[in-house]
Amino acid sequence: MVQPKDSGREKGRERKRLTAGDWADAALAAMAERGLAAVAVEPLAARLGTTKGSFYWHFANREALIEAALLRWEELCTEEIITALDAEPDPETRLRMLFHEATASAAEDPLEVSLLATAAHPQVAATLRRVTERRVRYVAQLFEELGFPPEAARQRGLLAYTSYLGHTQLTHAVPQTLPAGAERDAYLESMMDTLLRRDA
């Protein structure tokens, strides 16, 4: 006879079948809420409903978990987004989609701001450097596809990325300075129009 899924014994077993990805996700959630210092084994084990033994099954130490969490953030918030955008053939549409979606996502999730606040940490610094270079390179590539020379495309890619970061910081620090609703959409469109101007 099949045991009911919600039996106490089965639930206990399910809680213990955690993957390294589960731990990485929990670490990212903790970073978003309380910064890098919140990545500690015992609180994360309690959050996941498991024991420290599960952690040591997957990771040698806290630094290994931080590395796994940062790699997961890089994959989810950069590589997967780029892959999804590449399904759109028009580079200008991709640029506009990217800026709207990235700023909306950053407004809901404080993780990026939290990581920037701990940029002096060696593991965070290395990841931020890789992610920044990848993102700026991708945006510059879109400007090149629109016909801008490589150097101009790189400058616009960097300007677009610094605009995104500034917008993200303001969203969490002083959100009242930014427009909301339809005004927000119009503001973002005007920013992209400026970046796309040939005489800009």
N, C-alpha and C. Protein backbone atom coordinates (compact mmCIF):
# COMPACT_ATOMS: atom_id res chain seq x y z
N MET A 1 0.85 -1.20 0.00
CA MET A 1 0.00 0.00 0.00
C MET A 1 0.88 1.25 0.00
N VAL A 2 0.52 2.25 -0.81
CA VAL A 2 1.32 3.46 -0.92
C VAL A 2 1.07 4.33 0.31
N GLN A 3 2.17 4.79 0.92
CA GLN A 3 2.05 5.68 2.07
C GLN A 3 1.56 7.05 1.62
N PRO A 4 0.71 7.72 2.39
CA PRO A 4 0.30 9.09 2.05
C PRO A 4 1.52 10.00 2.03
N LYS A 5 1.51 10.96 1.12
CA LYS A 5 2.67 11.84 0.96
C LYS A 5 2.92 12.69 2.19
N ASP A 6 1.87 12.98 2.95
CA ASP A 6 2.07 13.88 4.07
C ASP A 6 2.33 13.15 5.38
N SER A 7 2.64 11.87 5.35
CA SER A 7 2.94 11.16 6.58
C SER A 7 4.18 11.76 7.21
N GLY A 8 4.24 11.79 8.54
CA GLY A 8 5.36 12.41 9.24
C GLY A 8 6.68 11.80 8.86
N ARG A 9 6.73 10.46 8.74
CA ARG A 9 7.99 9.80 8.42
C ARG A 9 8.47 10.21 7.04
N GLU A 10 7.54 10.24 6.06
CA GLU A 10 7.92 10.58 4.69
C GLU A 10 8.36 12.04 4.60
N LYS A 11 7.65 12.91 5.32
CA LYS A 11 8.03 14.31 5.30
C LYS A 11 9.43 14.50 5.88
N GLY A 12 9.73 13.76 6.93
CA GLY A 12 11.06 13.84 7.53
C GLY A 12 12.12 13.41 6.54
N ARG A 13 11.84 12.35 5.79
CA ARG A 13 12.81 11.88 4.80
C ARG A 13 12.99 12.92 3.69
N GLU A 14 11.88 13.50 3.22
CA GLU A 14 11.95 14.46 2.13
C GLU A 14 12.79 15.67 2.54
N ARG A 15 12.64 16.11 3.79
CA ARG A 15 13.39 17.27 4.24
C ARG A 15 14.89 17.03 4.18
N LYS A 16 15.29 15.76 4.37
CA LYS A 16 16.72 15.48 4.42
C LYS A 16 17.32 15.27 3.04
N ARG A 17 16.48 15.10 2.01
CA ARG A 17 17.02 14.89 0.66
C ARG A 17 17.30 16.21 -0.03
N LEU A 18 18.21 16.97 0.54
CA LEU A 18 18.54 18.27 -0.03
C LEU A 18 19.72 18.16 -0.98
N THR A 19 19.71 19.01 -1.99
CA THR A 19 20.82 19.04 -2.94
C THR A 19 21.73 20.22 -2.61
N ALA A 20 22.88 20.25 -3.26
CA ALA A 20 23.77 21.41 -3.12
C ALA A 20 23.07 22.67 -3.60
N GLY A 21 22.22 22.53 -4.63
CA GLY A 21 21.46 23.67 -5.13
C GLY A 21 20.49 24.23 -4.11
N ASP A 22 19.88 23.35 -3.31
CA ASP A 22 18.97 23.81 -2.24
C ASP A 22 19.73 24.68 -1.24
N TRP A 23 20.92 24.23 -0.87
CA TRP A 23 21.75 25.00 0.06
C TRP A 23 22.18 26.32 -0.57
N ALA A 24 22.56 26.29 -1.84
CA ALA A 24 22.97 27.52 -2.52
C ALA A 24 21.82 28.52 -2.58
N ASP A 25 20.61 28.03 -2.88
CA ASP A 25 19.44 28.92 -2.92
C ASP A 25 19.15 29.52 -1.55
N ALA A 26 19.28 28.71 -0.52
CA ALA A 26 19.05 29.21 0.84
C ALA A 26 20.09 30.25 1.21
N ALA A 27 21.33 30.02 0.80
CA ALA A 27 22.40 31.00 1.06
C ALA A 27 22.11 32.31 0.35
N LEU A 28 21.64 32.24 -0.90
CA LEU A 28 21.30 33.46 -1.65
C LEU A 28 20.16 34.22 -0.98
N ALA A 29 19.16 33.48 -0.52
CA ALA A 29 18.04 34.13 0.17
C ALA A 29 18.52 34.83 1.44
N ALA A 30 19.42 34.19 2.18
CA ALA A 30 19.97 34.79 3.40
C ALA A 30 20.78 36.03 3.06
N MET A 31 21.58 35.97 1.99
CA MET A 31 22.36 37.14 1.56
C MET A 31 21.45 38.30 1.21
N ALA A 32 20.36 38.01 0.51
CA ALA A 32 19.44 39.07 0.10
C ALA A 32 18.81 39.74 1.32
N GLU A 33 18.53 38.95 2.34
CA GLU A 33 17.85 39.47 3.53
C GLU A 33 18.78 40.21 4.49
N ARG A 34 19.98 39.61 4.72
CA ARG A 34 20.84 40.16 5.79
C ARG A 34 22.31 40.25 5.40
N GLY A 35 22.63 40.08 4.13
CA GLY A 35 24.01 40.23 3.70
C GLY A 35 24.82 38.95 3.82
N LEU A 36 26.06 39.04 3.42
CA LEU A 36 26.95 37.88 3.39
C LEU A 36 27.15 37.26 4.76
N ALA A 37 27.13 38.08 5.80
CA ALA A 37 27.32 37.57 7.16
C ALA A 37 26.22 36.59 7.57
N ALA A 38 25.09 36.64 6.89
CA ALA A 38 23.97 35.74 7.23
C ALA A 38 24.18 34.32 6.73
N VAL A 39 25.21 34.11 5.92
CA VAL A 39 25.49 32.75 5.42
C VAL A 39 26.26 32.00 6.50
N ALA A 40 25.50 31.29 7.32
CA ALA A 40 26.06 30.50 8.42
C ALA A 40 25.34 29.15 8.43
N VAL A 41 26.07 28.10 8.74
CA VAL A 41 25.55 26.74 8.57
C VAL A 41 24.32 26.47 9.43
N GLU A 42 24.39 26.75 10.71
CA GLU A 42 23.28 26.38 11.60
C GLU A 42 21.98 27.10 11.26
N PRO A 43 21.98 28.43 11.06
CA PRO A 43 20.72 29.09 10.68
C PRO A 43 20.18 28.60 9.34
N LEU A 44 21.07 28.31 8.39
CA LEU A 44 20.60 27.80 7.10
C LEU A 44 20.02 26.40 7.24
N ALA A 45 20.63 25.58 8.09
CA ALA A 45 20.09 24.24 8.32
C ALA A 45 18.69 24.34 8.93
N ALA A 46 18.52 25.26 9.88
CA ALA A 46 17.19 25.45 10.49
C ALA A 46 16.20 25.93 9.44
N ARG A 47 16.64 26.83 8.59
CA ARG A 47 15.77 27.36 7.52
C ARG A 47 15.32 26.23 6.59
N LEU A 48 16.22 25.31 6.31
CA LEU A 48 15.92 24.21 5.40
C LEU A 48 15.28 23.01 6.10
N GLY A 49 15.17 23.07 7.42
CA GLY A 49 14.57 21.97 8.17
C GLY A 49 15.43 20.72 8.18
N THR A 50 16.75 20.92 8.27
CA THR A 50 17.65 19.78 8.26
C THR A 50 18.76 19.99 9.29
N THR A 51 19.80 19.18 9.22
CA THR A 51 20.90 19.26 10.17
C THR A 51 22.18 19.71 9.48
N LYS A 52 23.20 20.01 10.29
CA LYS A 52 24.48 20.40 9.72
C LYS A 52 25.10 19.27 8.91
N GLY A 53 24.73 18.03 9.22
CA GLY A 53 25.27 16.89 8.47
C GLY A 53 24.96 16.98 6.99
N SER A 54 23.77 17.48 6.66
CA SER A 54 23.40 17.65 5.25
C SER A 54 24.33 18.64 4.56
N PHE A 55 24.67 19.71 5.29
CA PHE A 55 25.59 20.70 4.73
C PHE A 55 26.94 20.05 4.41
N TYR A 56 27.50 19.33 5.38
CA TYR A 56 28.83 18.76 5.19
C TYR A 56 28.85 17.60 4.20
N TRP A 57 27.69 17.09 3.86
CA TRP A 57 27.61 16.10 2.79
C TRP A 57 27.93 16.74 1.44
N HIS A 58 27.54 18.02 1.31
CA HIS A 58 27.69 18.72 0.02
C HIS A 58 28.89 19.67 -0.02
N PHE A 59 29.27 20.23 1.12
CA PHE A 59 30.28 21.29 1.12
C PHE A 59 31.34 21.04 2.19
N ALA A 60 32.57 21.40 1.85
CA ALA A 60 33.67 21.23 2.81
C ALA A 60 33.63 22.31 3.89
N ASN A 61 33.17 23.51 3.52
CA ASN A 61 33.17 24.62 4.47
C ASN A 61 32.25 25.74 3.96
N ARG A 62 32.17 26.81 4.74
CA ARG A 62 31.31 27.94 4.41
C ARG A 62 31.73 28.58 3.09
N GLU A 63 33.04 28.69 2.86
CA GLU A 63 33.52 29.33 1.63
C GLU A 63 33.05 28.57 0.39
N ALA A 64 33.01 27.24 0.49
CA ALA A 64 32.53 26.44 -0.65
C ALA A 64 31.06 26.71 -0.92
N LEU A 65 30.28 26.90 0.14
CA LEU A 65 28.85 27.23 -0.04
C LEU A 65 28.70 28.62 -0.66
N ILE A 66 29.48 29.57 -0.18
CA ILE A 66 29.41 30.92 -0.76
C ILE A 66 29.73 30.87 -2.24
N GLU A 67 30.76 30.11 -2.60
CA GLU A 67 31.15 29.99 -4.01
C GLU A 67 30.02 29.39 -4.84
N ALA A 68 29.40 28.33 -4.31
CA ALA A 68 28.29 27.69 -5.03
C ALA A 68 27.11 28.64 -5.18
N ALA A 69 26.83 29.42 -4.12
CA ALA A 69 25.72 30.37 -4.17
C ALA A 69 25.99 31.47 -5.20
N LEU A 70 27.20 31.97 -5.23
CA LEU A 70 27.56 33.02 -6.18
C LEU A 70 27.51 32.52 -7.63
N LEU A 71 27.96 31.30 -7.84
CA LEU A 71 27.89 30.71 -9.18
C LEU A 71 26.43 30.53 -9.61
N ARG A 72 25.59 30.15 -8.64
CA ARG A 72 24.16 29.99 -8.95
C ARG A 72 23.54 31.33 -9.31
N TRP A 73 23.88 32.39 -8.57
CA TRP A 73 23.38 33.73 -8.88
C TRP A 73 23.84 34.14 -10.28
N GLU A 74 25.10 33.89 -10.59
CA GLU A 74 25.64 34.22 -11.91
C GLU A 74 24.87 33.51 -13.02
N GLU A 75 24.57 32.24 -12.80
CA GLU A 75 23.86 31.46 -13.81
C GLU A 75 22.41 31.94 -13.96
N LEU A 76 21.72 32.09 -12.84
CA LEU A 76 20.30 32.46 -12.89
C LEU A 76 20.08 33.90 -13.35
N CYS A 77 20.92 34.81 -12.89
CA CYS A 77 20.66 36.24 -13.10
C CYS A 77 21.47 36.85 -14.24
N THR A 78 22.28 36.05 -14.90
CA THR A 78 23.01 36.55 -16.07
C THR A 78 22.86 35.59 -17.24
N GLU A 79 23.40 34.40 -17.10
CA GLU A 79 23.43 33.48 -18.25
C GLU A 79 22.04 33.05 -18.71
N GLU A 80 21.15 32.72 -17.76
CA GLU A 80 19.81 32.29 -18.16
C GLU A 80 19.02 33.43 -18.79
N ILE A 81 19.24 34.64 -18.31
CA ILE A 81 18.55 35.80 -18.87
C ILE A 81 19.03 36.05 -20.30
N ILE A 82 20.34 35.98 -20.51
CA ILE A 82 20.90 36.18 -21.85
C ILE A 82 20.37 35.11 -22.81
N THR A 83 20.34 33.87 -22.35
CA THR A 83 19.83 32.78 -23.19
C THR A 83 18.38 33.03 -23.59
N ALA A 84 17.55 33.47 -22.63
CA ALA A 84 16.15 33.74 -22.92
C ALA A 84 16.00 34.91 -23.89
N LEU A 85 16.79 35.95 -23.70
CA LEU A 85 16.71 37.13 -24.58
C LEU A 85 17.11 36.80 -26.01
N ASP A 86 18.05 35.89 -26.16
CA ASP A 86 18.56 35.58 -27.49
C ASP A 86 17.51 34.93 -28.39
N ALA A 87 16.38 34.55 -27.82
CA ALA A 87 15.28 34.03 -28.64
C ALA A 87 14.62 35.15 -29.45
N GLU A 88 14.83 36.40 -29.02
CA GLU A 88 14.28 37.57 -29.73
C GLU A 88 15.30 38.02 -30.79
N PRO A 89 14.92 38.01 -32.07
CA PRO A 89 15.90 38.33 -33.12
C PRO A 89 16.30 39.81 -33.22
N ASP A 90 15.43 40.72 -32.78
CA ASP A 90 15.71 42.14 -32.96
C ASP A 90 16.53 42.68 -31.78
N PRO A 91 17.75 43.21 -32.03
CA PRO A 91 18.60 43.66 -30.92
C PRO A 91 18.02 44.84 -30.14
N GLU A 92 17.31 45.74 -30.82
CA GLU A 92 16.72 46.85 -30.07
C GLU A 92 15.63 46.37 -29.13
N THR A 93 14.81 45.44 -29.60
CA THR A 93 13.78 44.87 -28.72
C THR A 93 14.42 44.16 -27.55
N ARG A 94 15.52 43.45 -27.80
CA ARG A 94 16.23 42.76 -26.72
C ARG A 94 16.75 43.76 -25.68
N LEU A 95 17.31 44.86 -26.15
CA LEU A 95 17.81 45.89 -25.23
C LEU A 95 16.70 46.43 -24.35
N ARG A 96 15.58 46.78 -24.96
CA ARG A 96 14.48 47.36 -24.20
C ARG A 96 13.89 46.33 -23.23
N MET A 97 13.73 45.10 -23.69
CA MET A 97 13.24 44.04 -22.80
C MET A 97 14.18 43.85 -21.62
N LEU A 98 15.47 43.81 -21.91
CA LEU A 98 16.47 43.58 -20.86
C LEU A 98 16.41 44.66 -19.80
N PHE A 99 16.35 45.92 -20.24
CA PHE A 99 16.37 47.02 -19.27
C PHE A 99 15.10 47.02 -18.42
N HIS A 100 13.95 46.82 -19.04
CA HIS A 100 12.69 46.80 -18.29
C HIS A 100 12.65 45.64 -17.31
N GLU A 101 13.02 44.45 -17.79
CA GLU A 101 12.92 43.25 -16.94
C GLU A 101 13.98 43.26 -15.84
N ALA A 102 15.19 43.72 -16.17
CA ALA A 102 16.26 43.73 -15.16
C ALA A 102 15.96 44.72 -14.05
N THR A 103 15.47 45.91 -14.40
CA THR A 103 15.17 46.89 -13.36
C THR A 103 13.98 46.45 -12.51
N ALA A 104 12.98 45.82 -13.13
CA ALA A 104 11.82 45.33 -12.36
C ALA A 104 12.25 44.23 -11.41
N SER A 105 13.09 43.31 -11.88
CA SER A 105 13.55 42.21 -11.04
C SER A 105 14.40 42.73 -9.88
N ALA A 106 15.30 43.67 -10.17
CA ALA A 106 16.17 44.23 -9.13
C ALA A 106 15.36 44.98 -8.07
N ALA A 107 14.23 45.57 -8.48
CA ALA A 107 13.39 46.29 -7.52
C ALA A 107 12.76 45.34 -6.51
N GLU A 108 12.47 44.12 -6.95
CA GLU A 108 11.82 43.14 -6.08
C GLU A 108 12.82 42.35 -5.23
N ASP A 109 14.06 42.24 -5.70
CA ASP A 109 15.04 41.39 -5.05
C ASP A 109 16.26 42.22 -4.64
N PRO A 110 16.53 42.35 -3.33
CA PRO A 110 17.66 43.17 -2.88
C PRO A 110 19.02 42.48 -2.99
N LEU A 111 19.07 41.28 -3.57
CA LEU A 111 20.31 40.52 -3.56
C LEU A 111 21.47 41.26 -4.24
N GLU A 112 21.20 41.87 -5.39
CA GLU A 112 22.29 42.54 -6.11
C GLU A 112 22.87 43.68 -5.28
N VAL A 113 22.02 44.46 -4.64
CA VAL A 113 22.47 45.55 -3.78
C VAL A 113 23.29 44.99 -2.63
N SER A 114 22.83 43.88 -2.06
CA SER A 114 23.55 43.25 -0.96
C SER A 114 24.94 42.79 -1.39
N LEU A 115 25.03 42.21 -2.59
CA LEU A 115 26.33 41.76 -3.09
C LEU A 115 27.26 42.95 -3.34
N LEU A 116 26.73 44.02 -3.90
CA LEU A 116 27.55 45.21 -4.14
C LEU A 116 28.07 45.79 -2.82
N ALA A 117 27.29 45.67 -1.77
CA ALA A 117 27.70 46.18 -0.46
C ALA A 117 28.84 45.37 0.14
N THR A 118 29.02 44.13 -0.33
CA THR A 118 30.10 43.29 0.19
C THR A 118 31.15 43.01 -0.89
N ALA A 119 31.31 43.97 -1.80
CA ALA A 119 32.21 43.78 -2.94
C ALA A 119 33.67 43.64 -2.54
N ALA A 120 34.03 43.99 -1.30
CA ALA A 120 35.41 43.84 -0.85
C ALA A 120 35.75 42.38 -0.52
N HIS A 121 34.73 41.55 -0.33
CA HIS A 121 34.98 40.14 -0.04
C HIS A 121 35.57 39.48 -1.30
N PRO A 122 36.67 38.75 -1.19
CA PRO A 122 37.34 38.22 -2.39
C PRO A 122 36.45 37.38 -3.30
N GLN A 123 35.62 36.51 -2.73
CA GLN A 123 34.76 35.68 -3.58
C GLN A 123 33.69 36.51 -4.28
N VAL A 124 33.12 37.46 -3.56
CA VAL A 124 32.11 38.34 -4.15
C VAL A 124 32.75 39.22 -5.21
N ALA A 125 33.92 39.75 -4.92
CA ALA A 125 34.62 40.62 -5.87
C ALA A 125 34.89 39.90 -7.19
N ALA A 126 35.36 38.66 -7.10
CA ALA A 126 35.66 37.90 -8.32
C ALA A 126 34.40 37.64 -9.14
N THR A 127 33.30 37.33 -8.45
CA THR A 127 32.04 37.06 -9.16
C THR A 127 31.49 38.34 -9.78
N LEU A 128 31.51 39.43 -9.03
CA LEU A 128 31.01 40.69 -9.57
C LEU A 128 31.83 41.14 -10.79
N ARG A 129 33.12 40.91 -10.74
CA ARG A 129 33.96 41.27 -11.90
C ARG A 129 33.55 40.47 -13.13
N ARG A 130 33.39 39.15 -12.97
CA ARG A 130 32.98 38.29 -14.09
C ARG A 130 31.61 38.68 -14.62
N VAL A 131 30.66 38.86 -13.71
CA VAL A 131 29.29 39.18 -14.10
C VAL A 131 29.22 40.54 -14.79
N THR A 132 29.92 41.52 -14.24
CA THR A 132 29.92 42.86 -14.84
C THR A 132 30.50 42.83 -16.24
N GLU A 133 31.63 42.16 -16.40
CA GLU A 133 32.24 42.06 -17.73
C GLU A 133 31.33 41.35 -18.71
N ARG A 134 30.68 40.29 -18.26
CA ARG A 134 29.78 39.54 -19.13
C ARG A 134 28.58 40.39 -19.55
N ARG A 135 27.98 41.07 -18.59
CA ARG A 135 26.79 41.87 -18.88
C ARG A 135 27.12 43.05 -19.80
N VAL A 136 28.20 43.77 -19.48
CA VAL A 136 28.57 44.92 -20.32
C VAL A 136 28.91 44.44 -21.73
N ARG A 137 29.61 43.33 -21.82
CA ARG A 137 29.97 42.79 -23.14
C ARG A 137 28.72 42.42 -23.94
N TYR A 138 27.75 41.84 -23.27
CA TYR A 138 26.51 41.45 -23.96
C TYR A 138 25.75 42.67 -24.46
N VAL A 139 25.62 43.68 -23.59
CA VAL A 139 24.88 44.88 -24.00
C VAL A 139 25.63 45.60 -25.12
N ALA A 140 26.96 45.65 -25.02
CA ALA A 140 27.76 46.27 -26.09
C ALA A 140 27.55 45.52 -27.41
N GLN A 141 27.45 44.21 -27.32
CA GLN A 141 27.21 43.40 -28.53
C GLN A 141 25.88 43.79 -29.19
N LEU A 142 24.88 44.06 -28.38
CA LEU A 142 23.59 44.48 -28.92
C LEU A 142 23.70 45.82 -29.64
N PHE A 143 24.46 46.75 -29.05
CA PHE A 143 24.68 48.03 -29.73
C PHE A 143 25.44 47.84 -31.03
N GLU A 144 26.40 46.92 -31.03
CA GLU A 144 27.12 46.63 -32.29
C GLU A 144 26.18 46.07 -33.34
N GLU A 145 25.27 45.19 -32.90
CA GLU A 145 24.30 44.62 -33.85
C GLU A 145 23.41 45.70 -34.44
N LEU A 146 23.25 46.80 -33.70
CA LEU A 146 22.44 47.93 -34.19
C LEU A 146 23.25 48.87 -35.07
N GLY A 147 24.54 48.56 -35.30
CA GLY A 147 25.34 49.34 -36.23
C GLY A 147 26.31 50.32 -35.61
N PHE A 148 26.43 50.33 -34.28
CA PHE A 148 27.39 51.22 -33.66
C PHE A 148 28.80 50.64 -33.78
N PRO A 149 29.82 51.47 -34.00
CA PRO A 149 31.20 50.97 -34.03
C PRO A 149 31.56 50.34 -32.68
N PRO A 150 32.52 49.41 -32.67
CA PRO A 150 32.84 48.68 -31.43
C PRO A 150 33.12 49.56 -30.22
N GLU A 151 33.91 50.62 -30.36
CA GLU A 151 34.24 51.47 -29.21
C GLU A 151 33.00 52.21 -28.72
N ALA A 152 32.20 52.73 -29.63
CA ALA A 152 30.96 53.42 -29.24
C ALA A 152 29.99 52.44 -28.60
N ALA A 153 29.94 51.23 -29.12
CA ALA A 153 29.05 50.20 -28.57
C ALA A 153 29.46 49.85 -27.15
N ARG A 154 30.78 49.74 -26.92
CA ARG A 154 31.29 49.44 -25.58
C ARG A 154 30.93 50.57 -24.61
N GLN A 155 31.10 51.82 -25.03
CA GLN A 155 30.79 52.96 -24.17
C GLN A 155 29.30 52.98 -23.81
N ARG A 156 28.46 52.72 -24.79
CA ARG A 156 27.01 52.71 -24.54
C ARG A 156 26.61 51.53 -23.67
N GLY A 157 27.27 50.40 -23.88
CA GLY A 157 27.00 49.25 -23.03
C GLY A 157 27.34 49.55 -21.59
N LEU A 158 28.47 50.20 -21.37
CA LEU A 158 28.88 50.57 -20.01
C LEU A 158 27.94 51.60 -19.41
N LEU A 159 27.53 52.58 -20.22
CA LEU A 159 26.59 53.60 -19.74
C LEU A 159 25.25 52.97 -19.39
N ALA A 160 24.78 52.05 -20.21
CA ALA A 160 23.52 51.36 -19.92
C ALA A 160 23.62 50.59 -18.61
N TYR A 161 24.75 49.94 -18.40
CA TYR A 161 24.90 49.13 -17.18
C TYR A 161 25.02 50.01 -15.94
N THR A 162 25.76 51.12 -16.04
CA THR A 162 25.84 52.01 -14.87
C THR A 162 24.47 52.64 -14.58
N SER A 163 23.69 52.88 -15.62
CA SER A 163 22.32 53.40 -15.41
C SER A 163 21.48 52.38 -14.67
N TYR A 164 21.61 51.12 -15.06
CA TYR A 164 20.89 50.03 -14.39
C TYR A 164 21.29 49.95 -12.91
N LEU A 165 22.61 49.99 -12.64
CA LEU A 165 23.06 49.89 -11.25
C LEU A 165 22.59 51.08 -10.42
N GLY A 166 22.66 52.28 -11.00
CA GLY A 166 22.18 53.45 -10.28
C GLY A 166 20.70 53.36 -9.98
N HIS A 167 19.94 52.90 -10.97
CA HIS A 167 18.50 52.73 -10.79
C HIS A 167 18.22 51.71 -9.69
N THR A 168 18.99 50.62 -9.69
CA THR A 168 18.82 49.57 -8.68
C THR A 168 19.11 50.09 -7.28
N GLN A 169 20.20 50.84 -7.12
CA GLN A 169 20.54 51.40 -5.81
C GLN A 169 19.45 52.35 -5.32
N LEU A 170 18.98 53.23 -6.20
CA LEU A 170 17.93 54.17 -5.80
C LEU A 170 16.64 53.45 -5.44
N THR A 171 16.33 52.39 -6.16
CA THR A 171 15.10 51.63 -5.89
C THR A 171 15.06 51.14 -4.44
N HIS A 172 16.22 50.76 -3.91
CA HIS A 172 16.25 50.22 -2.54
C HIS A 172 16.59 51.28 -1.49
N ALA A 173 17.33 52.32 -1.89
CA ALA A 173 17.75 53.32 -0.91
C ALA A 173 16.75 54.46 -0.77
N VAL A 174 16.34 55.05 -1.89
CA VAL A 174 15.40 56.19 -1.88
C VAL A 174 14.39 56.03 -3.01
N PRO A 175 13.52 55.04 -2.92
CA PRO A 175 12.60 54.73 -4.03
C PRO A 175 11.68 55.87 -4.41
N GLN A 176 11.42 56.79 -3.49
CA GLN A 176 10.52 57.90 -3.79
C GLN A 176 11.09 58.84 -4.84
N THR A 177 12.39 58.76 -5.12
CA THR A 177 12.99 59.62 -6.15
C THR A 177 12.70 59.14 -7.57
N LEU A 178 12.23 57.91 -7.70
CA LEU A 178 12.00 57.32 -9.02
C LEU A 178 10.52 57.33 -9.38
N PRO A 179 10.19 57.49 -10.65
CA PRO A 179 8.79 57.42 -11.06
C PRO A 179 8.23 56.01 -10.91
N ALA A 180 6.91 55.92 -10.81
CA ALA A 180 6.27 54.62 -10.64
C ALA A 180 5.21 54.42 -11.71
N GLY A 181 4.80 53.15 -11.88
CA GLY A 181 3.72 52.83 -12.80
C GLY A 181 4.05 53.18 -14.24
N ALA A 182 3.08 53.81 -14.91
CA ALA A 182 3.26 54.17 -16.32
C ALA A 182 4.39 55.19 -16.50
N GLU A 183 4.58 56.06 -15.51
CA GLU A 183 5.66 57.04 -15.58
C GLU A 183 7.03 56.35 -15.56
N ARG A 184 7.11 55.26 -14.79
CA ARG A 184 8.36 54.49 -14.75
C ARG A 184 8.68 53.92 -16.13
N ASP A 185 7.67 53.33 -16.77
CA ASP A 185 7.89 52.76 -18.10
C ASP A 185 8.33 53.82 -19.10
N ALA A 186 7.69 54.99 -19.03
CA ALA A 186 8.05 56.08 -19.95
C ALA A 186 9.46 56.57 -19.67
N TYR A 187 9.82 56.63 -18.40
CA TYR A 187 11.18 57.05 -18.02
C TYR A 187 12.22 56.08 -18.57
N LEU A 188 11.99 54.78 -18.41
CA LEU A 188 12.93 53.78 -18.91
C LEU A 188 13.03 53.83 -20.43
N GLU A 189 11.90 54.03 -21.09
CA GLU A 189 11.92 54.14 -22.55
C GLU A 189 12.72 55.36 -22.99
N SER A 190 12.57 56.47 -22.29
CA SER A 190 13.30 57.68 -22.66
C SER A 190 14.80 57.48 -22.45
N MET A 191 15.16 56.72 -21.41
CA MET A 191 16.57 56.43 -21.17
C MET A 191 17.14 55.60 -22.32
N MET A 192 16.39 54.59 -22.76
CA MET A 192 16.85 53.79 -23.88
C MET A 192 16.90 54.61 -25.17
N ASP A 193 15.92 55.49 -25.37
CA ASP A 193 15.93 56.36 -26.56
C ASP A 193 17.20 57.20 -26.59
N THR A 194 17.61 57.70 -25.43
CA THR A 194 18.84 58.51 -25.35
C THR A 194 20.06 57.66 -25.71
N LEU A 195 20.13 56.46 -25.17
CA LEU A 195 21.27 55.59 -25.45
C LEU A 195 21.32 55.16 -26.93
N LEU A 196 20.17 55.10 -27.56
CA LEU A 196 20.11 54.63 -28.95
C LEU A 196 20.27 55.75 -29.98
N ARG A 197 20.28 56.99 -29.51
CA ARG A 197 20.43 58.12 -30.44
C ARG A 197 21.81 58.07 -31.10
N ARG A 198 21.84 58.26 -32.38
CA ARG A 198 23.11 58.20 -33.11
C ARG A 198 24.03 59.36 -32.77
N ASP A 199 23.45 60.49 -32.35
CA ASP A 199 24.29 61.66 -32.05
C ASP A 199 24.55 61.81 -30.56
N ALA A 200 24.18 60.74 -29.79
CA ALA A 200 24.36 60.82 -28.34
C ALA A 200 25.82 60.63 -27.97
